[in-house]
């Protein structure tokens, strides 16, 4: 794990610490660092309560109570640190309350309330790429078509595989 994040209990402010959390700075020797050893406040999120936060290997994803998903961290398309929150999924798309919200090495997964909505999204720097960044993985329809009573509970992704935890309704 390269970083951590948490909402402040009473104010709903989000704090992040670890890799890729501060604007890149050079030290006296010219080395680049973007680490925060103490929590730094994330600014730029809408004033909507945080439902969940997930830390991936290179990004932090934030699900707000309106169903929108925001992220900061290393972009998938340019590999540049994005320090200002980027909206990845607009409000109203995710079935709330989400069953699962997790960040992986290159994307975030949301399992909607029904267990039949599975969305994955990349953190892209380019706004045009973000327009097509939300997708349903190709394994979802064949799995759910096998049995109408199947519900997805969790999705775990690694570099080379995906593990899906399902249950019967």
Protein backbone atom coordinates (compact mmCIF):
# COMPACT_ATOMS: atom_id res chain seq x y z
CA UNK A 1 0.00 0.00 0.00
CA UNK A 2 1.45 3.34 -1.04
CA UNK A 3 -0.98 5.66 0.73
CA UNK A 4 -3.97 5.97 3.06
CA UNK A 5 -7.06 8.17 3.25
CA UNK A 6 -9.82 8.91 5.74
CA UNK A 7 -12.70 11.33 6.26
CA UNK A 8 -12.63 13.52 9.34
CA UNK A 9 -15.48 12.39 11.57
CA UNK A 10 -17.46 15.59 12.16
CA UNK A 11 -16.47 17.77 9.21
CA UNK A 12 -16.47 15.21 6.35
CA UNK A 13 -13.14 16.59 5.12
CA UNK A 14 -10.95 13.99 3.42
CA UNK A 15 -7.30 13.56 4.39
CA UNK A 16 -4.72 11.61 2.40
CA UNK A 17 -1.13 10.70 3.21
CA UNK A 18 1.57 8.67 1.46
CA UNK A 19 2.66 8.52 -2.20
CA UNK A 20 1.28 10.89 -4.86
CA UNK A 21 -0.66 12.98 -2.39
CA UNK A 22 1.05 16.36 -2.65
CA UNK A 23 2.09 18.45 -5.63
CA UNK A 24 5.45 17.23 -6.88
CA UNK A 25 8.39 19.06 -5.31
CA UNK A 26 12.15 18.77 -5.75
CA UNK A 27 14.47 18.42 -2.77
CA UNK A 28 17.89 20.05 -2.41
CA UNK A 29 19.44 17.32 -4.57
CA UNK A 30 16.83 17.68 -7.33
CA UNK A 31 15.02 14.43 -6.49
CA UNK A 32 11.28 14.45 -7.09
CA UNK A 33 9.00 13.61 -4.17
CA UNK A 34 5.24 13.69 -3.87
CA UNK A 35 4.84 12.03 -0.50
CA UNK A 36 3.00 13.28 2.56
CA UNK A 37 4.17 11.80 5.83
CA UNK A 38 1.33 13.43 7.72
CA UNK A 39 -2.30 13.67 6.53
CA UNK A 40 -2.94 16.45 4.01
CA UNK A 41 -6.44 17.78 3.42
CA UNK A 42 -7.90 17.04 0.00
CA UNK A 43 -9.60 20.14 -1.36
CA UNK A 44 -11.88 20.44 -4.36
CA UNK A 45 -14.57 17.85 -3.56
CA UNK A 46 -18.21 18.95 -3.67
CA UNK A 47 -19.78 19.66 -0.30
CA UNK A 48 -21.54 16.28 -0.20
CA UNK A 49 -21.03 13.70 2.55
CA UNK A 50 -18.52 10.92 1.89
CA UNK A 51 -20.04 7.44 1.73
CA UNK A 52 -16.82 5.45 1.22
CA UNK A 53 -13.14 5.83 0.42
CA UNK A 54 -10.96 3.23 -1.29
CA UNK A 55 -7.19 3.30 -1.76
CA UNK A 56 -5.75 1.55 -4.80
CA UNK A 57 -2.10 1.03 -5.49
CA UNK A 58 -1.81 4.39 -7.25
CA UNK A 59 -5.04 6.31 -6.65
CA UNK A 60 -7.67 7.16 -4.05
CA UNK A 61 -11.34 6.88 -4.99
CA UNK A 62 -14.14 8.59 -3.08
CA UNK A 63 -17.82 7.65 -3.31
CA UNK A 64 -20.09 10.49 -2.22
CA UNK A 65 -23.60 10.08 -0.83
CA UNK A 66 -25.08 11.37 -4.12
CA UNK A 67 -23.51 8.38 -5.92
CA UNK A 68 -20.78 10.34 -7.65
CA UNK A 69 -17.26 8.91 -7.68
CA UNK A 70 -14.19 11.14 -7.48
CA UNK A 71 -10.49 10.29 -7.50
CA UNK A 72 -6.97 11.62 -7.13
CA UNK A 73 -3.66 9.90 -7.75
CA UNK A 74 -1.63 8.58 -10.65
CA UNK A 75 -3.59 8.78 -13.90
CA UNK A 76 -3.91 5.61 -15.98
CA UNK A 77 -3.48 7.38 -19.32
CA UNK A 78 -0.55 9.74 -18.63
CA UNK A 79 0.99 8.32 -15.43
CA UNK A 80 0.97 11.85 -13.98
CA UNK A 81 -0.13 12.52 -10.40
CA UNK A 82 -3.51 14.29 -10.30
CA UNK A 83 -3.80 16.18 -7.02
CA UNK A 84 -7.16 17.83 -7.67
CA UNK A 85 -10.24 15.58 -7.45
CA UNK A 86 -11.58 14.39 -10.79
CA UNK A 87 -15.21 13.28 -11.20
CA UNK A 88 -15.19 9.75 -12.64
CA UNK A 89 -18.87 8.84 -12.32
CA UNK A 90 -21.62 11.44 -12.19
CA UNK A 91 -24.29 11.43 -9.47
CA UNK A 92 -27.27 9.17 -10.11
CA UNK A 93 -25.47 6.39 -12.02
CA UNK A 94 -24.47 4.13 -9.12
CA UNK A 95 -27.26 2.11 -7.47
CA UNK A 96 -27.08 3.16 -3.82
CA UNK A 97 -26.19 2.00 -1.30
CA UNK A 98 -23.25 0.37 -3.03
CA UNK A 99 -22.52 -3.22 -2.00
CA UNK A 100 -18.83 -2.77 -2.67
CA UNK A 101 -16.52 0.11 -3.46
CA UNK A 102 -12.87 -0.79 -4.01
CA UNK A 103 -9.84 0.66 -5.73
CA UNK A 104 -7.35 -1.59 -7.47
CA UNK A 105 -4.06 -1.00 -9.24
CA UNK A 106 -5.53 0.73 -12.29
CA UNK A 107 -9.25 1.14 -11.71
CA UNK A 108 -12.06 1.44 -9.20
CA UNK A 109 -14.92 -1.07 -8.93
CA UNK A 110 -18.44 -0.28 -7.74
CA UNK A 111 -20.99 -3.02 -7.14
CA UNK A 112 -24.44 -1.42 -7.03
CA UNK A 113 -27.15 -2.16 -4.47
CA UNK A 114 -28.83 -4.83 -6.64
CA UNK A 115 -25.63 -6.85 -6.99
CA UNK A 116 -26.24 -6.85 -10.73
CA UNK A 117 -24.67 -3.46 -11.50
CA UNK A 118 -20.90 -3.71 -11.74
CA UNK A 119 -19.03 -0.63 -12.90
CA UNK A 120 -15.33 -0.15 -13.28
CA UNK A 121 -13.67 3.18 -14.00
CA UNK A 122 -10.15 4.41 -14.67
CA UNK A 123 -8.67 7.67 -13.40
CA UNK A 124 -7.80 9.45 -16.64
CA UNK A 125 -6.19 12.88 -16.88
CA UNK A 126 -7.60 13.57 -20.36
CA UNK A 127 -11.23 14.76 -20.18
CA UNK A 128 -12.14 12.98 -23.44
CA UNK A 129 -10.83 9.69 -22.06
CA UNK A 130 -12.91 10.23 -18.91
CA UNK A 131 -16.04 10.33 -21.10
CA UNK A 132 -15.49 6.63 -21.90
CA UNK A 133 -13.77 5.60 -18.67
CA UNK A 134 -16.79 3.94 -17.02
CA UNK A 135 -17.53 0.41 -18.23
CA UNK A 136 -19.10 -2.89 -17.26
CA UNK A 137 -16.47 -5.65 -17.44
CA UNK A 138 -16.95 -8.26 -20.17
CA UNK A 139 -17.39 -11.11 -17.66
CA UNK A 140 -20.48 -9.56 -16.03
CA UNK A 141 -23.23 -10.35 -18.56
CA UNK A 142 -22.26 -14.02 -19.15
CA UNK A 143 -22.04 -14.60 -15.39
CA UNK A 144 -25.34 -12.91 -14.56
CA UNK A 145 -27.12 -14.45 -17.59
CA UNK A 146 -26.36 -17.95 -16.23
CA UNK A 147 -28.76 -17.48 -13.34
CA UNK A 148 -31.14 -14.57 -12.68
CA UNK A 149 -30.76 -15.15 -8.92
CA UNK A 150 -27.00 -14.51 -8.88
CA UNK A 151 -25.85 -11.32 -7.17
CA UNK A 152 -22.27 -10.03 -7.13
CA UNK A 153 -21.04 -9.23 -3.64
CA UNK A 154 -17.38 -8.37 -4.22
CA UNK A 155 -14.79 -8.01 -6.98
CA UNK A 156 -11.09 -8.34 -6.21
CA UNK A 157 -8.56 -7.42 -8.89
CA UNK A 158 -4.87 -8.07 -9.08
CA UNK A 159 -2.30 -7.58 -11.81
CA UNK A 160 -3.16 -10.84 -13.55
CA UNK A 161 -6.55 -11.99 -12.31
CA UNK A 162 -9.99 -11.03 -11.04
CA UNK A 163 -11.85 -12.86 -8.26
CA UNK A 164 -15.62 -12.43 -8.12
CA UNK A 165 -17.62 -13.32 -5.01
CA UNK A 166 -21.25 -14.04 -5.87
CA UNK A 167 -24.29 -15.23 -3.95
CA UNK A 168 -27.78 -16.49 -4.68
CA UNK A 169 -30.69 -14.12 -4.05
